[in-house]
N, C-alpha and C. Protein backbone atom coordinates (compact mmCIF):
# COMPACT_ATOMS: atom_id res chain seq x y z
N MET A 1 -16.73 4.12 -7.99
CA MET A 1 -15.40 4.60 -7.66
C MET A 1 -14.73 5.11 -8.95
N ASP A 2 -14.16 6.31 -8.86
CA ASP A 2 -13.50 6.89 -10.02
C ASP A 2 -12.03 6.42 -10.05
N ASN A 3 -11.80 5.31 -10.74
CA ASN A 3 -10.46 4.74 -10.80
C ASN A 3 -9.43 5.70 -11.39
N ASN A 4 -9.83 6.44 -12.43
CA ASN A 4 -8.91 7.36 -13.06
C ASN A 4 -8.37 8.39 -12.08
N ARG A 5 -9.23 8.90 -11.22
CA ARG A 5 -8.81 9.89 -10.24
C ARG A 5 -7.79 9.29 -9.30
N VAL A 6 -8.02 8.06 -8.86
CA VAL A 6 -7.09 7.39 -7.96
C VAL A 6 -5.77 7.11 -8.67
N TYR A 7 -5.84 6.65 -9.91
CA TYR A 7 -4.61 6.36 -10.67
C TYR A 7 -3.70 7.55 -10.75
N LYS A 8 -4.27 8.75 -10.90
CA LYS A 8 -3.48 9.96 -11.11
C LYS A 8 -3.05 10.62 -9.81
N MET A 9 -3.56 10.14 -8.68
CA MET A 9 -3.14 10.70 -7.39
C MET A 9 -1.65 10.43 -7.19
N LYS A 10 -0.96 11.41 -6.66
CA LYS A 10 0.47 11.27 -6.38
C LYS A 10 0.65 10.41 -5.13
N PHE A 11 1.51 9.43 -5.25
CA PHE A 11 1.79 8.57 -4.08
C PHE A 11 2.29 9.43 -2.93
N ALA A 12 3.10 10.44 -3.25
CA ALA A 12 3.65 11.33 -2.21
C ALA A 12 2.58 12.12 -1.45
N SER A 13 1.40 12.28 -2.05
CA SER A 13 0.33 13.00 -1.35
C SER A 13 -0.41 12.09 -0.37
N VAL A 14 -0.34 10.79 -0.55
CA VAL A 14 -1.05 9.84 0.32
C VAL A 14 -0.11 9.23 1.36
N TYR A 15 1.15 9.07 1.01
CA TYR A 15 2.14 8.46 1.89
C TYR A 15 2.14 9.06 3.30
N PRO A 16 2.12 10.41 3.45
CA PRO A 16 2.11 10.96 4.81
C PRO A 16 0.87 10.53 5.62
N HIS A 17 -0.23 10.29 4.95
CA HIS A 17 -1.43 9.81 5.64
C HIS A 17 -1.24 8.37 6.15
N TYR A 18 -0.54 7.54 5.37
CA TYR A 18 -0.22 6.19 5.85
C TYR A 18 0.62 6.28 7.11
N ILE A 19 1.62 7.16 7.08
CA ILE A 19 2.52 7.31 8.22
C ILE A 19 1.75 7.81 9.44
N THR A 20 0.94 8.83 9.25
CA THR A 20 0.17 9.41 10.35
C THR A 20 -0.76 8.38 10.96
N LYS A 21 -1.44 7.63 10.11
CA LYS A 21 -2.39 6.60 10.59
C LYS A 21 -1.64 5.58 11.45
N ALA A 22 -0.50 5.14 11.01
CA ALA A 22 0.27 4.15 11.75
C ALA A 22 0.84 4.74 13.05
N GLU A 23 1.40 5.93 12.98
CA GLU A 23 2.03 6.53 14.16
C GLU A 23 1.01 6.88 15.25
N LYS A 24 -0.21 7.22 14.86
CA LYS A 24 -1.26 7.51 15.85
C LYS A 24 -1.57 6.27 16.68
N LYS A 25 -1.30 5.12 16.11
CA LYS A 25 -1.58 3.85 16.82
C LYS A 25 -0.29 3.22 17.38
N GLY A 26 0.78 4.01 17.46
CA GLY A 26 2.02 3.52 18.06
C GLY A 26 2.92 2.73 17.14
N ARG A 27 2.64 2.75 15.87
CA ARG A 27 3.49 2.05 14.90
C ARG A 27 4.48 3.04 14.30
N THR A 28 5.39 2.57 13.48
CA THR A 28 6.47 3.42 13.00
C THR A 28 6.46 3.61 11.48
N ARG A 29 7.14 4.66 11.05
CA ARG A 29 7.34 4.92 9.63
C ARG A 29 8.07 3.72 9.01
N GLN A 30 9.04 3.16 9.72
CA GLN A 30 9.79 2.04 9.17
C GLN A 30 8.89 0.83 8.93
N GLU A 31 7.93 0.60 9.81
CA GLU A 31 6.99 -0.50 9.60
C GLU A 31 6.13 -0.26 8.36
N VAL A 32 5.69 0.97 8.16
CA VAL A 32 4.93 1.30 6.94
C VAL A 32 5.80 1.04 5.73
N ASN A 33 7.04 1.52 5.78
CA ASN A 33 7.97 1.30 4.66
C ASN A 33 8.21 -0.19 4.41
N ASP A 34 8.38 -0.94 5.48
CA ASP A 34 8.60 -2.39 5.34
C ASP A 34 7.43 -3.05 4.62
N LEU A 35 6.21 -2.62 4.94
CA LEU A 35 5.04 -3.18 4.26
C LEU A 35 5.01 -2.79 2.78
N ILE A 36 5.34 -1.55 2.50
CA ILE A 36 5.40 -1.09 1.10
C ILE A 36 6.45 -1.89 0.35
N PHE A 37 7.60 -2.08 0.94
CA PHE A 37 8.69 -2.86 0.30
C PHE A 37 8.26 -4.29 0.08
N TRP A 38 7.62 -4.89 1.09
CA TRP A 38 7.15 -6.27 0.98
C TRP A 38 6.13 -6.42 -0.16
N LEU A 39 5.20 -5.49 -0.23
CA LEU A 39 4.12 -5.58 -1.22
C LEU A 39 4.63 -5.35 -2.64
N THR A 40 5.54 -4.40 -2.82
CA THR A 40 5.90 -3.94 -4.16
C THR A 40 7.29 -4.33 -4.65
N GLY A 41 8.19 -4.62 -3.74
CA GLY A 41 9.57 -4.90 -4.15
C GLY A 41 10.44 -3.67 -4.20
N TYR A 42 9.87 -2.52 -3.92
CA TYR A 42 10.69 -1.30 -3.86
C TYR A 42 11.61 -1.36 -2.66
N ASP A 43 12.61 -0.49 -2.63
CA ASP A 43 13.49 -0.37 -1.48
C ASP A 43 13.55 1.11 -1.05
N GLU A 44 14.36 1.38 -0.06
CA GLU A 44 14.44 2.74 0.51
C GLU A 44 14.79 3.78 -0.55
N THR A 45 15.78 3.48 -1.38
CA THR A 45 16.21 4.41 -2.41
C THR A 45 15.13 4.68 -3.42
N SER A 46 14.48 3.63 -3.89
CA SER A 46 13.42 3.81 -4.89
C SER A 46 12.21 4.52 -4.29
N LEU A 47 11.94 4.31 -3.01
CA LEU A 47 10.82 5.02 -2.36
C LEU A 47 11.10 6.52 -2.31
N VAL A 48 12.32 6.88 -1.99
CA VAL A 48 12.69 8.30 -1.98
C VAL A 48 12.50 8.91 -3.36
N ASP A 49 12.92 8.16 -4.40
CA ASP A 49 12.73 8.63 -5.78
C ASP A 49 11.24 8.83 -6.11
N ILE A 50 10.43 7.88 -5.71
CA ILE A 50 8.99 7.94 -5.98
C ILE A 50 8.39 9.16 -5.31
N LEU A 51 8.79 9.40 -4.07
CA LEU A 51 8.24 10.55 -3.32
C LEU A 51 8.75 11.87 -3.92
N THR A 52 10.00 11.90 -4.31
CA THR A 52 10.60 13.11 -4.88
C THR A 52 10.02 13.43 -6.25
N ASN A 53 9.83 12.40 -7.07
CA ASN A 53 9.33 12.60 -8.44
C ASN A 53 7.81 12.71 -8.51
N GLU A 54 7.16 12.59 -7.37
CA GLU A 54 5.70 12.67 -7.31
C GLU A 54 5.03 11.67 -8.27
N THR A 55 5.49 10.45 -8.21
CA THR A 55 4.96 9.36 -9.02
C THR A 55 3.49 9.11 -8.65
N ASN A 56 2.65 8.89 -9.67
CA ASN A 56 1.24 8.62 -9.38
C ASN A 56 1.05 7.12 -9.07
N PHE A 57 -0.12 6.79 -8.52
CA PHE A 57 -0.38 5.41 -8.11
C PHE A 57 -0.30 4.42 -9.27
N GLU A 58 -0.80 4.80 -10.43
CA GLU A 58 -0.76 3.90 -11.57
C GLU A 58 0.67 3.52 -11.90
N THR A 59 1.54 4.51 -12.01
CA THR A 59 2.96 4.24 -12.30
C THR A 59 3.63 3.50 -11.16
N PHE A 60 3.28 3.90 -9.93
CA PHE A 60 3.84 3.25 -8.74
C PHE A 60 3.63 1.75 -8.81
N PHE A 61 2.42 1.32 -9.10
CA PHE A 61 2.15 -0.12 -9.15
C PHE A 61 2.59 -0.77 -10.46
N ASN A 62 2.45 -0.10 -11.57
CA ASN A 62 2.90 -0.68 -12.85
C ASN A 62 4.40 -0.89 -12.89
N ASP A 63 5.15 -0.02 -12.21
CA ASP A 63 6.61 -0.12 -12.23
C ASP A 63 7.18 -0.86 -11.01
N ALA A 64 6.32 -1.40 -10.18
CA ALA A 64 6.80 -2.10 -8.98
C ALA A 64 7.74 -3.23 -9.40
N PRO A 65 8.92 -3.27 -8.78
CA PRO A 65 9.94 -4.26 -9.19
C PRO A 65 9.47 -5.70 -9.05
N LYS A 66 8.74 -6.01 -7.97
CA LYS A 66 8.30 -7.40 -7.76
C LYS A 66 7.09 -7.38 -6.83
N PHE A 67 5.92 -7.31 -7.45
CA PHE A 67 4.71 -7.33 -6.63
C PHE A 67 4.59 -8.68 -5.96
N ASN A 68 4.39 -8.68 -4.65
CA ASN A 68 4.43 -9.90 -3.86
C ASN A 68 3.27 -10.85 -4.21
N PRO A 69 3.60 -12.10 -4.56
CA PRO A 69 2.53 -13.06 -4.87
C PRO A 69 1.62 -13.37 -3.68
N ASN A 70 2.12 -13.16 -2.46
CA ASN A 70 1.28 -13.40 -1.29
C ASN A 70 0.23 -12.31 -1.09
N ALA A 71 0.29 -11.26 -1.90
CA ALA A 71 -0.72 -10.20 -1.79
C ALA A 71 -2.12 -10.77 -2.03
N SER A 72 -2.21 -11.81 -2.83
CA SER A 72 -3.52 -12.39 -3.10
C SER A 72 -4.15 -13.01 -1.85
N LYS A 73 -3.35 -13.18 -0.79
CA LYS A 73 -3.87 -13.71 0.48
C LYS A 73 -4.49 -12.61 1.33
N ILE A 74 -4.36 -11.36 0.89
CA ILE A 74 -4.97 -10.24 1.63
C ILE A 74 -6.46 -10.26 1.34
N LYS A 75 -7.23 -10.37 2.39
CA LYS A 75 -8.69 -10.47 2.25
C LYS A 75 -9.34 -9.44 3.16
N GLY A 76 -10.59 -9.15 2.90
CA GLY A 76 -11.34 -8.28 3.78
C GLY A 76 -11.88 -7.06 3.08
N VAL A 77 -12.51 -6.20 3.87
CA VAL A 77 -13.17 -5.02 3.35
C VAL A 77 -12.34 -3.78 3.68
N ILE A 78 -12.17 -2.94 2.68
CA ILE A 78 -11.53 -1.63 2.87
C ILE A 78 -12.28 -0.64 2.00
N CYS A 79 -12.64 0.46 2.57
CA CYS A 79 -13.39 1.51 1.85
C CYS A 79 -14.69 0.95 1.25
N GLY A 80 -15.29 -0.03 1.91
CA GLY A 80 -16.55 -0.57 1.45
C GLY A 80 -16.43 -1.63 0.35
N TYR A 81 -15.23 -2.01 0.00
CA TYR A 81 -15.02 -3.00 -1.07
C TYR A 81 -14.23 -4.21 -0.52
N ARG A 82 -14.62 -5.39 -0.93
CA ARG A 82 -13.86 -6.59 -0.60
C ARG A 82 -12.66 -6.62 -1.54
N VAL A 83 -11.45 -6.55 -0.97
CA VAL A 83 -10.27 -6.44 -1.81
C VAL A 83 -10.09 -7.62 -2.75
N GLU A 84 -10.50 -8.80 -2.32
CA GLU A 84 -10.32 -9.98 -3.17
C GLU A 84 -11.29 -10.01 -4.33
N GLU A 85 -12.32 -9.16 -4.32
CA GLU A 85 -13.31 -9.14 -5.41
C GLU A 85 -13.12 -7.96 -6.37
N ILE A 86 -12.16 -7.09 -6.12
CA ILE A 86 -11.95 -5.96 -7.01
C ILE A 86 -11.34 -6.48 -8.31
N GLU A 87 -11.99 -6.16 -9.43
CA GLU A 87 -11.56 -6.68 -10.72
C GLU A 87 -10.43 -5.88 -11.36
N ASP A 88 -10.40 -4.59 -11.16
CA ASP A 88 -9.38 -3.75 -11.76
C ASP A 88 -8.05 -4.00 -11.04
N PRO A 89 -7.01 -4.48 -11.75
CA PRO A 89 -5.77 -4.87 -11.09
C PRO A 89 -5.04 -3.73 -10.34
N ILE A 90 -5.04 -2.56 -10.90
CA ILE A 90 -4.36 -1.45 -10.23
C ILE A 90 -5.15 -1.03 -8.98
N MET A 91 -6.46 -0.93 -9.12
CA MET A 91 -7.27 -0.56 -7.96
C MET A 91 -7.17 -1.61 -6.86
N GLN A 92 -7.09 -2.87 -7.25
CA GLN A 92 -6.96 -3.92 -6.25
C GLN A 92 -5.62 -3.75 -5.49
N LYS A 93 -4.57 -3.41 -6.21
CA LYS A 93 -3.28 -3.21 -5.55
C LYS A 93 -3.30 -2.01 -4.62
N VAL A 94 -3.98 -0.95 -5.04
CA VAL A 94 -4.14 0.22 -4.17
C VAL A 94 -4.86 -0.19 -2.89
N ARG A 95 -5.91 -0.96 -3.03
CA ARG A 95 -6.68 -1.39 -1.86
C ARG A 95 -5.92 -2.40 -1.00
N TYR A 96 -5.08 -3.24 -1.62
CA TYR A 96 -4.21 -4.12 -0.84
C TYR A 96 -3.34 -3.27 0.08
N LEU A 97 -2.74 -2.23 -0.48
CA LEU A 97 -1.88 -1.36 0.33
C LEU A 97 -2.69 -0.69 1.43
N ASP A 98 -3.85 -0.17 1.10
CA ASP A 98 -4.73 0.43 2.12
C ASP A 98 -5.03 -0.57 3.24
N LYS A 99 -5.34 -1.79 2.85
CA LYS A 99 -5.72 -2.82 3.81
C LYS A 99 -4.58 -3.17 4.75
N ILE A 100 -3.37 -3.34 4.23
CA ILE A 100 -2.27 -3.72 5.11
C ILE A 100 -1.84 -2.56 6.04
N ILE A 101 -2.00 -1.32 5.58
CA ILE A 101 -1.73 -0.19 6.45
C ILE A 101 -2.79 -0.14 7.55
N ASP A 102 -4.02 -0.44 7.20
CA ASP A 102 -5.09 -0.49 8.18
C ASP A 102 -4.83 -1.60 9.20
N GLU A 103 -4.39 -2.74 8.75
CA GLU A 103 -4.08 -3.86 9.66
C GLU A 103 -2.94 -3.48 10.60
N LEU A 104 -1.94 -2.77 10.08
CA LEU A 104 -0.82 -2.31 10.91
C LEU A 104 -1.35 -1.40 12.01
N ALA A 105 -2.20 -0.44 11.63
CA ALA A 105 -2.76 0.51 12.59
C ALA A 105 -3.65 -0.19 13.62
N LYS A 106 -4.21 -1.32 13.27
CA LYS A 106 -5.05 -2.05 14.20
C LYS A 106 -4.26 -2.97 15.11
N GLY A 107 -2.93 -2.97 14.95
CA GLY A 107 -2.09 -3.69 15.89
C GLY A 107 -1.62 -5.06 15.46
N LYS A 108 -1.93 -5.48 14.24
CA LYS A 108 -1.45 -6.79 13.78
C LYS A 108 0.07 -6.78 13.66
N SER A 109 0.66 -7.94 13.89
CA SER A 109 2.13 -8.06 13.74
C SER A 109 2.49 -8.05 12.25
N LEU A 110 3.70 -7.63 11.97
CA LEU A 110 4.17 -7.60 10.58
C LEU A 110 4.13 -8.99 9.95
N ASP A 111 4.46 -10.02 10.70
CA ASP A 111 4.43 -11.38 10.15
C ASP A 111 3.03 -11.76 9.70
N LYS A 112 2.03 -11.42 10.51
CA LYS A 112 0.63 -11.75 10.12
C LYS A 112 0.22 -10.92 8.92
N ILE A 113 0.58 -9.63 8.89
CA ILE A 113 0.20 -8.77 7.79
C ILE A 113 0.84 -9.28 6.49
N MET A 114 2.08 -9.75 6.60
CA MET A 114 2.81 -10.25 5.42
C MET A 114 2.44 -11.67 5.08
N ARG A 115 1.44 -12.20 5.78
CA ARG A 115 0.91 -13.54 5.50
C ARG A 115 2.01 -14.59 5.53
N LYS A 116 2.86 -14.53 6.56
CA LYS A 116 3.94 -15.52 6.71
C LYS A 116 3.47 -16.73 7.45
């Protein structure tokens, strides 16, 4: 996996895919946003700034106000990798986000996804 390529990807280029994936399965943009806010500590205003400024994934995660400590409870396989075994911290956070969006699209409740 080319981590550098992923690090430099603009969050704004992937965000619409998260929304589309969720909406195709009857979920909402707000649910996607709620998961992003839960995972990273960002809020609506900061998300708009991130999308407008075309922030890359590396900066997105490095500057996250409060990365959720319950993220370590996210387990499973995404893109062929077990998220709990990924050693690179930024890549692991990217895959955590991918995994929770996938869980949302598969119909899990927000409480279960947020490991409450």
